[in-house]
Protein backbone atom coordinates (compact mmCIF):
# COMPACT_ATOMS: atom_id res chain seq x y z
CA UNK A 1 21.81 20.55 -66.96
CA UNK A 2 21.14 18.15 -64.08
CA UNK A 3 20.08 19.61 -60.74
CA UNK A 4 23.15 19.51 -58.46
CA UNK A 5 21.27 20.64 -55.31
CA UNK A 6 22.31 18.20 -52.57
CA UNK A 7 19.53 16.15 -51.00
CA UNK A 8 18.83 16.96 -47.41
CA UNK A 9 18.93 13.94 -45.15
CA UNK A 10 16.31 14.11 -42.39
CA UNK A 11 16.94 12.17 -39.28
CA UNK A 12 14.26 9.81 -38.08
CA UNK A 13 15.84 8.29 -34.91
CA UNK A 14 14.25 9.09 -31.49
CA UNK A 15 17.36 8.44 -29.50
CA UNK A 16 17.71 10.76 -26.46
CA UNK A 17 21.42 11.15 -26.61
CA UNK A 18 21.42 12.00 -30.32
CA UNK A 19 18.77 14.66 -29.92
CA UNK A 20 20.59 16.27 -27.07
CA UNK A 21 23.81 16.20 -29.11
CA UNK A 22 22.17 17.93 -32.06
CA UNK A 23 20.70 20.65 -29.86
CA UNK A 24 23.96 21.37 -28.36
CA UNK A 25 25.77 21.33 -31.74
CA UNK A 26 23.12 23.72 -33.22
CA UNK A 27 23.39 26.30 -30.41
CA UNK A 28 27.04 25.90 -29.36
CA UNK A 29 25.75 25.69 -25.78
CA UNK A 30 25.96 22.83 -23.27
CA UNK A 31 24.30 23.85 -20.05
CA UNK A 32 20.52 23.16 -19.59
CA UNK A 33 20.67 24.25 -15.94
CA UNK A 34 18.04 22.26 -14.21
CA UNK A 35 17.68 18.84 -15.98
CA UNK A 36 14.51 17.73 -14.23
CA UNK A 37 12.81 17.67 -17.70
CA UNK A 38 14.99 14.82 -18.86
CA UNK A 39 12.85 12.19 -17.15
CA UNK A 40 9.72 13.26 -19.03
CA UNK A 41 11.63 13.65 -22.35
CA UNK A 42 13.00 10.09 -22.06
CA UNK A 43 9.54 8.68 -21.34
CA UNK A 44 7.99 10.75 -24.07
CA UNK A 45 10.56 9.56 -26.75
CA UNK A 46 9.97 5.96 -25.65
CA UNK A 47 6.17 6.35 -25.96
CA UNK A 48 6.58 7.86 -29.38
CA UNK A 49 8.60 4.80 -30.43
CA UNK A 50 6.18 2.30 -28.93
CA UNK A 51 2.72 3.83 -29.17
CA UNK A 52 2.34 6.75 -31.60
CA UNK A 53 2.25 4.85 -34.94
CA UNK A 54 4.32 7.65 -36.58
CA UNK A 55 4.96 7.62 -40.21
CA UNK A 56 8.46 8.42 -41.48
CA UNK A 57 7.36 12.09 -41.97
CA UNK A 58 5.97 11.96 -38.46
CA UNK A 59 9.22 10.77 -36.94
CA UNK A 60 11.10 13.46 -38.78
CA UNK A 61 8.69 16.17 -37.59
CA UNK A 62 8.65 14.94 -33.93
CA UNK A 63 12.48 14.68 -33.88
CA UNK A 64 12.93 18.15 -35.32
CA UNK A 65 10.55 19.51 -32.77
CA UNK A 66 12.35 17.98 -29.82
CA UNK A 67 15.70 19.32 -31.08
CA UNK A 68 14.08 22.82 -31.47
CA UNK A 69 12.67 22.63 -27.74
CA UNK A 70 16.11 21.74 -26.47
CA UNK A 71 17.73 24.63 -28.35
CA UNK A 72 15.29 26.96 -26.77
CA UNK A 73 16.01 25.49 -23.28
CA UNK A 74 19.61 25.91 -23.81
CA UNK A 75 19.30 29.55 -24.98
CA UNK A 76 16.82 30.37 -22.22
CA UNK A 77 19.15 29.20 -19.44
CA UNK A 78 21.96 31.29 -20.91
CA UNK A 79 19.81 34.45 -21.00
CA UNK A 80 18.47 33.77 -17.42
CA UNK A 81 22.02 33.51 -16.18
CA UNK A 82 22.98 36.71 -18.02
CA UNK A 83 19.95 38.71 -16.91
CA UNK A 84 18.69 37.45 -13.58
CA UNK A 85 16.49 40.48 -13.44
CA UNK A 86 14.01 38.82 -15.90
CA UNK A 87 12.82 36.33 -13.24
CA UNK A 88 12.21 39.23 -10.74
CA UNK A 89 9.52 40.69 -12.93
CA UNK A 90 5.88 40.48 -12.12
CA UNK A 91 3.27 39.20 -14.52
CA UNK A 92 0.52 41.70 -13.90
CA UNK A 93 -3.16 40.63 -13.21
CA UNK A 94 -3.18 37.57 -15.54
CA UNK A 95 -6.51 36.33 -16.81
CA UNK A 96 -6.49 32.64 -18.01
CA UNK A 97 -9.22 31.68 -20.39
CA UNK A 98 -10.10 27.99 -20.01
CA UNK A 99 -12.92 25.68 -20.88
CA UNK A 100 -13.44 22.80 -23.28
CA UNK A 101 -12.02 23.37 -26.83
CA UNK A 102 -14.17 24.99 -29.53
CA UNK A 103 -16.02 27.11 -27.12
CA UNK A 104 -15.03 30.46 -28.42
CA UNK A 105 -11.79 30.71 -26.46
CA UNK A 106 -9.59 31.72 -29.40
CA UNK A 107 -11.87 34.56 -30.51
CA UNK A 108 -12.10 35.82 -26.92
CA UNK A 109 -8.32 35.79 -26.37
CA UNK A 110 -7.45 37.30 -29.70
CA UNK A 111 -9.97 40.01 -29.45
CA UNK A 112 -8.83 41.04 -26.02
CA UNK A 113 -5.13 40.86 -27.07
CA UNK A 114 -5.87 43.46 -29.66
CA UNK A 115 -6.12 46.02 -26.86
CA UNK A 116 -2.58 47.73 -26.81
CA UNK A 117 -2.82 47.85 -23.02
CA UNK A 118 -2.73 44.00 -22.86
CA UNK A 119 0.30 41.69 -23.01
CA UNK A 120 -0.14 38.35 -24.77
CA UNK A 121 1.86 35.40 -26.17
CA UNK A 122 2.28 35.61 -29.86
CA UNK A 123 2.04 32.49 -31.90
CA UNK A 124 5.66 32.55 -33.09
CA UNK A 125 6.94 33.18 -29.65
CA UNK A 126 4.89 30.20 -28.26
CA UNK A 127 6.91 27.91 -30.53
CA UNK A 128 10.27 29.74 -30.11
CA UNK A 129 10.07 31.87 -26.93
CA UNK A 130 13.75 32.56 -26.87
CA UNK A 131 15.45 35.01 -29.39
CA UNK A 132 17.86 33.44 -31.76
CA UNK A 133 19.83 36.55 -31.94
CA UNK A 134 20.62 38.82 -29.02
CA UNK A 135 18.09 39.10 -26.14
CA UNK A 136 15.28 41.27 -27.65
CA UNK A 137 12.72 41.02 -30.40
CA UNK A 138 14.27 41.81 -33.83
CA UNK A 139 12.62 43.79 -36.71
CA UNK A 140 12.12 41.60 -38.58
CA UNK A 141 12.41 38.75 -36.23
CA UNK A 142 13.67 35.53 -37.83
CA UNK A 143 11.39 33.52 -35.60
CA UNK A 144 8.30 35.31 -36.96
CA UNK A 145 9.63 34.92 -40.51
CA UNK A 146 10.00 31.18 -40.03
CA UNK A 147 6.56 30.99 -38.54
CA UNK A 148 4.99 32.95 -41.46
CA UNK A 149 6.55 30.49 -43.90
CA UNK A 150 5.42 27.38 -41.97
CA UNK A 151 1.81 28.77 -41.57
CA UNK A 152 1.56 29.57 -45.19
CA UNK A 153 2.59 26.07 -46.07
CA UNK A 154 0.08 24.64 -43.52
CA UNK A 155 -2.70 26.82 -45.05
CA UNK A 156 -1.87 25.43 -48.46
CA UNK A 157 -1.50 21.85 -47.41
CA UNK A 158 -4.16 21.59 -44.74
CA UNK A 159 -6.87 24.18 -45.48
CA UNK A 160 -9.42 22.53 -43.28
CA UNK A 161 -7.19 22.56 -40.19
CA UNK A 162 -6.27 26.25 -40.91
CA UNK A 163 -9.98 27.08 -41.31
CA UNK A 164 -10.71 25.49 -37.89
CA UNK A 165 -7.84 27.28 -36.16
CA UNK A 166 -5.97 29.90 -38.10
CA UNK A 167 -2.31 30.02 -37.19
CA UNK A 168 -1.26 33.63 -37.43
CA UNK A 169 2.22 34.33 -36.26
CA UNK A 170 1.64 37.79 -34.78
CA UNK A 171 -1.68 36.86 -33.15
CA UNK A 172 -2.25 35.60 -29.62
CA UNK A 173 -1.82 31.85 -29.06
CA UNK A 174 -2.23 29.43 -26.19
CA UNK A 175 0.67 28.99 -23.77
CA UNK A 176 0.12 25.34 -24.39
CA UNK A 177 3.31 25.21 -26.49
CA UNK A 178 5.32 26.69 -23.59
CA UNK A 179 4.11 23.79 -21.39
CA UNK A 180 5.47 21.49 -24.00
CA UNK A 181 8.98 22.65 -23.18
CA UNK A 182 8.64 21.22 -19.65
CA UNK A 183 8.00 17.51 -20.72
CA UNK A 184 5.52 17.53 -17.93
CA UNK A 185 2.41 18.47 -19.80
CA UNK A 186 -0.67 17.08 -21.57
CA UNK A 187 0.63 18.91 -24.70
CA UNK A 188 2.80 15.90 -25.49
CA UNK A 189 -0.27 13.66 -25.84
CA UNK A 190 -2.44 16.27 -27.45
CA UNK A 191 -0.91 15.95 -30.99
CA UNK A 192 0.43 12.35 -30.80
CA UNK A 193 -0.96 9.28 -29.20
CA UNK A 194 1.51 8.55 -26.38
CA UNK A 195 -0.55 6.61 -23.68
CA UNK A 196 2.43 5.25 -21.69
CA UNK A 197 3.78 8.83 -21.36
CA UNK A 198 0.21 9.77 -20.16
CA UNK A 199 0.32 7.00 -17.63
CA UNK A 200 3.43 8.54 -16.08
CA UNK A 201 2.25 12.20 -16.50
CA UNK A 202 -1.05 11.74 -14.60
CA UNK A 203 0.88 10.62 -11.50
CA UNK A 204 3.13 13.70 -11.40
CA UNK A 205 3.05 17.01 -9.45
CA UNK A 206 2.74 19.71 -12.11
CA UNK A 207 4.06 22.51 -10.17
CA UNK A 208 7.44 22.60 -12.01
CA UNK A 209 5.47 22.68 -15.39
CA UNK A 210 3.74 25.89 -14.50
CA UNK A 211 6.75 27.37 -12.85
CA UNK A 212 8.79 26.99 -16.01
CA UNK A 213 5.89 28.25 -18.13
CA UNK A 214 5.72 31.34 -15.87
CA UNK A 215 9.50 32.02 -16.29
CA UNK A 216 9.21 31.75 -20.08
CA UNK A 217 6.39 34.18 -20.01
CA UNK A 218 8.56 36.58 -18.08
CA UNK A 219 11.25 36.16 -20.74
CA UNK A 220 8.65 36.89 -23.45
CA UNK A 221 7.49 39.97 -21.55
CA UNK A 222 11.03 41.16 -21.12
CA UNK A 223 12.04 40.75 -24.75
CA UNK A 224 8.82 42.49 -25.87
CA UNK A 225 9.33 45.47 -23.50
CA UNK A 226 5.85 44.93 -22.08
CA UNK A 227 6.52 44.95 -18.41
CA UNK A 228 3.54 46.39 -16.47
CA UNK A 229 0.82 45.38 -19.02
CA UNK A 230 -1.91 43.03 -17.85
CA UNK A 231 -1.89 39.50 -19.35
CA UNK A 232 -4.38 37.64 -21.33
CA UNK A 233 -3.63 33.85 -21.51
CA UNK A 234 -5.47 30.89 -22.67
CA UNK A 235 -5.31 27.07 -22.66
CA UNK A 236 -7.95 24.37 -23.01
CA UNK A 237 -5.57 21.77 -21.58
CA UNK A 238 -5.45 22.48 -17.82
CA UNK A 239 -9.06 22.65 -16.88
CA UNK A 240 -8.32 20.14 -14.17
CA UNK A 241 -5.17 21.94 -13.00
CA UNK A 242 -6.51 25.37 -12.01
CA UNK A 243 -5.43 24.78 -8.38
CA UNK A 244 -1.81 24.41 -9.52
CA UNK A 245 -2.08 27.49 -11.79
CA UNK A 246 -3.24 29.49 -8.69
CA UNK A 247 -0.37 28.06 -6.71
CA UNK A 248 2.19 29.41 -9.34
CA UNK A 249 0.16 32.53 -10.32
CA UNK A 250 -1.48 33.58 -7.00
CA UNK A 251 -3.06 36.64 -8.58
CA UNK A 252 -4.68 34.73 -11.51
CA UNK A 253 -8.24 34.85 -12.52
CA UNK A 254 -9.98 32.50 -14.82
CA UNK A 255 -12.70 32.81 -17.54
CA UNK A 256 -14.27 29.59 -18.36
CA UNK A 257 -16.24 29.27 -21.75
CA UNK A 258 -19.02 26.83 -22.33
CA UNK A 259 -20.83 25.32 -25.33
CA UNK A 260 -23.25 22.38 -25.73
CA UNK A 261 -20.98 19.36 -25.53
CA UNK A 262 -22.37 17.54 -28.62
CA UNK A 263 -21.43 20.47 -30.88
CA UNK A 264 -18.21 21.21 -28.98
CA UNK A 265 -16.80 17.76 -29.02
CA UNK A 266 -17.89 16.99 -32.62
CA UNK A 267 -15.89 19.99 -33.69
CA UNK A 268 -12.93 19.15 -31.60
CA UNK A 269 -12.54 15.45 -32.34
CA UNK A 270 -12.64 16.23 -36.06
CA UNK A 271 -9.78 18.57 -35.57
CA UNK A 272 -7.80 16.10 -33.52
CA UNK A 273 -8.27 13.42 -36.08
CA UNK A 274 -6.72 15.81 -38.73
CA UNK A 275 -3.87 16.72 -36.49
CA UNK A 276 -2.94 13.23 -35.31
CA UNK A 277 -3.33 11.58 -38.75
CA UNK A 278 -0.97 14.14 -40.28
CA UNK A 279 1.83 12.33 -38.47
CA UNK A 280 0.17 8.92 -37.98
CA UNK A 281 -2.11 8.24 -41.05
CA UNK A 282 -2.62 4.69 -40.00
CA UNK A 283 -4.20 5.60 -36.68
CA UNK A 284 -7.92 4.91 -36.59
CA UNK A 285 -10.34 7.80 -36.21
CA UNK A 286 -12.27 5.99 -33.53
CA UNK A 287 -9.23 5.49 -31.39
CA UNK A 288 -8.40 9.15 -31.58
CA UNK A 289 -11.90 10.42 -30.85
CA UNK A 290 -12.54 8.10 -27.90
CA UNK A 291 -9.16 8.98 -26.47
CA UNK A 292 -9.79 12.79 -26.87
CA UNK A 293 -13.21 12.56 -25.28
CA UNK A 294 -11.87 10.67 -22.18
CA UNK A 295 -8.89 12.91 -21.75
CA UNK A 296 -11.00 16.16 -21.71
CA UNK A 297 -13.81 14.57 -19.70
CA UNK A 298 -11.28 13.40 -16.98
CA UNK A 299 -9.95 16.94 -16.83
CA UNK A 300 -13.36 18.45 -16.54
CA UNK A 301 -14.30 15.99 -13.81
CA UNK A 302 -11.33 17.28 -11.79
CA UNK A 303 -12.37 20.85 -12.69
CA UNK A 304 -15.86 20.28 -11.11
CA UNK A 305 -14.25 19.04 -7.99
CA UNK A 306 -12.02 22.00 -7.84
CA UNK A 307 -14.97 24.39 -8.06
CA UNK A 308 -15.80 23.48 -4.54
CA UNK A 309 -12.47 24.94 -3.28
CA UNK A 310 -11.61 27.84 -5.70
CA UNK A 311 -12.99 31.18 -4.56
CA UNK A 312 -15.99 32.19 -6.71
CA UNK A 313 -14.49 35.61 -7.31
CA UNK A 314 -11.61 33.93 -9.21
CA UNK A 315 -13.71 32.33 -11.91
CA UNK A 316 -16.22 33.87 -14.37
CA UNK A 317 -18.33 31.58 -16.60
CA UNK A 318 -19.33 32.72 -20.14
CA UNK A 319 -21.43 31.19 -22.91
CA UNK A 320 -20.23 30.45 -26.45
CA UNK A 321 -23.44 31.94 -27.86
CA UNK A 322 -22.64 35.27 -26.09
CA UNK A 323 -19.04 35.26 -27.27
CA UNK A 324 -20.39 35.00 -30.85
CA UNK A 325 -23.35 37.30 -30.65
CA UNK A 326 -22.38 39.91 -27.97
CA UNK A 327 -18.49 39.76 -27.64
CA UNK A 328 -18.23 43.37 -26.27
CA UNK A 329 -20.63 42.61 -23.52
CA UNK A 330 -18.69 39.55 -22.54
CA UNK A 331 -15.33 41.31 -22.71
CA UNK A 332 -16.50 44.31 -20.69
CA UNK A 333 -17.69 41.90 -18.10
CA UNK A 334 -14.28 40.28 -18.11
CA UNK A 335 -12.51 43.68 -17.61
CA UNK A 336 -14.79 44.49 -14.65
CA UNK A 337 -14.18 40.96 -13.25
CA UNK A 338 -10.38 41.36 -13.54
CA UNK A 339 -10.22 44.95 -12.39
CA UNK A 340 -8.77 46.11 -15.74
CA UNK A 341 -9.28 49.55 -17.14
CA UNK A 342 -11.60 49.99 -20.15
CA UNK A 343 -10.16 52.49 -22.58
CA UNK A 344 -11.25 54.14 -25.87
CA UNK A 345 -8.11 53.03 -27.71
CA UNK A 346 -8.46 49.46 -26.54
CA UNK A 347 -12.23 49.34 -27.56
CA UNK A 348 -11.37 50.70 -30.96
CA UNK A 349 -8.61 48.20 -31.45
CA UNK A 350 -10.91 45.36 -30.46
CA UNK A 351 -13.68 46.58 -32.71
CA UNK A 352 -11.15 46.69 -35.58
CA UNK A 353 -9.95 43.19 -34.89
CA UNK A 354 -13.58 41.94 -34.81
CA UNK A 355 -14.54 43.56 -38.12
CA UNK A 356 -11.47 42.07 -39.68
CA UNK A 357 -11.95 38.52 -38.36
CA UNK A 358 -15.52 37.49 -39.22
CA UNK A 359 -16.33 33.86 -38.72
CA UNK A 360 -15.05 31.50 -41.48
CA UNK A 361 -12.74 34.16 -42.76
CA UNK A 362 -10.28 31.49 -43.60
CA UNK A 363 -12.87 28.99 -44.91
CA UNK A 364 -15.48 26.78 -43.35
CA UNK A 365 -14.45 23.34 -42.19
CA UNK A 366 -16.73 20.43 -42.97
CA UNK A 367 -17.08 17.50 -40.61
CA UNK A 368 -19.60 14.86 -39.43
CA UNK A 369 -19.69 13.27 -36.05
CA UNK A 370 -20.24 9.80 -37.51
CA UNK A 371 -16.92 9.98 -39.30
CA UNK A 372 -15.19 10.01 -35.84
CA UNK A 373 -16.61 6.81 -34.57
CA UNK A 374 -18.29 8.66 -31.63
CA UNK A 375 -21.96 9.14 -31.00
CA UNK A 376 -23.84 12.04 -29.50
CA UNK A 377 -24.99 9.60 -26.76
CA UNK A 378 -21.52 8.74 -25.80
CA UNK A 379 -20.57 12.40 -25.61
CA UNK A 380 -23.69 13.33 -23.52
CA UNK A 381 -23.25 10.45 -21.24
CA UNK A 382 -19.57 11.02 -20.50
CA UNK A 383 -19.99 14.79 -20.00
CA UNK A 384 -23.34 14.51 -18.20
CA UNK A 385 -22.05 16.01 -14.89
CA UNK A 386 -20.40 18.88 -16.63
CA UNK A 387 -23.62 19.69 -18.67
CA UNK A 388 -25.68 19.56 -15.51
CA UNK A 389 -23.42 21.85 -13.63
CA UNK A 390 -23.17 24.50 -16.32
CA UNK A 391 -26.67 24.11 -17.81
CA UNK A 392 -27.46 27.81 -17.72
CA UNK A 393 -24.56 28.55 -20.17
CA UNK A 394 -25.42 25.73 -22.60
CA UNK A 395 -28.85 26.78 -23.78
C-alpha cells in the first residue's frame, strides 16, 4: 500500500513580512509591544540573503528560527502585560562568566548551576524562554520535550559537535540565545556569516539588547519560581561589552576564564567551521576561521580597554588549567568573591555533577589547526596584547 503521508512543504523565503505573518498566525497574537527590534531583524534577513551562502536546508532552518523568535516575542509581551509584577523582580547577585571560548566556561557554569541554591538559564528555556501553555513551567514541559528530541538528533547527526559542546536541555546554557531575540547581538553573526549585519551592529548602542535579556531572565525566574536565588550566567560573546552589562545589571560581577590562545582558538575555530558549514556547506574554512579570530580579538581588545575603568572588585580572573584540575578551589574562590554562601548541599550537588560529567563523556572531538586555514603565528600575533596582559593565567 503506498505511503499516503502528505509531504511537508518547508518555506525558504526570508521575507520580513511573511515571517511576521507566520508568527502571528501560529500564536494568534498581533502585538509585539516595542518594535525597535524590527530594524535589526530587517538588516539581518537582508544579510542572510546576500552574504550567508545558505543552502536550501540552511534557509529553512534560519527561517524557522526567526518565526520561533517572533512567536516568543509575541507571547512574552502578552505575559508582561498580564503580569507586570514580573518586571518588578530583582535578579539577585548575578555572576557572569566571560572569557574567550573553549576556556572551561561551560564546565564552570554547569557545575555551579548544580547547586540548588543557584538560579540558571536552562538550555531549553534559552531557545524558548516563554511558556507555550499557561505562564509557568509544565511537567513535562513541551519546550523541554522538543529540545530533547532536537538534541538527540544533533548527537546522532553531528557527534563531533555534540562532543565539543553537549546540548542538554535541563542543563545550564549561555544567555547568548536570549540576546538573539533582540536582533541587536553578535549572536546573529556567530552561527552564520552576516558581515553587512555586523557593520550595522558594531555602530549600535547595546543597552536595549541587555535590557531585553534582563527582562527575559526575569520571566524565566518567575516561571521557575526561583525568585531570591543568586544567578550564574555565562556568555563568551560580550567580553567587549561588560560596561553595558554593568549599566543594566549594576550589581553584576564577572569571572573571566583564560587559556593559552593557540589551544583555545584552534578548538574554537574548528567548532565554528562545523556549525557554519552545517547551514552553508560551500563556505570556505579559511573565511570562517579568520572571521572568528578577528571578531573575538576585537572584542578582547575592547575588554582590555575596559579593564582600566571597571573596578577590580567586580572581576575575578581564573585559569583553564585550574578549572580542569582544581574546580572546587576555583568555585569556592568565586563564591567568596561574589559573597555567596557555601553550603553542604550545594557542595554535594556540585561533586555529583563533576563525577557524572568527566571530560570527553560524550566523545572526543578531533581537529587540526591546519585544516582551518589559520596558523599559530596568526593567532599569537593577533592576541598578543591579551596574552601579555593575562600571562600569569596562561602558563
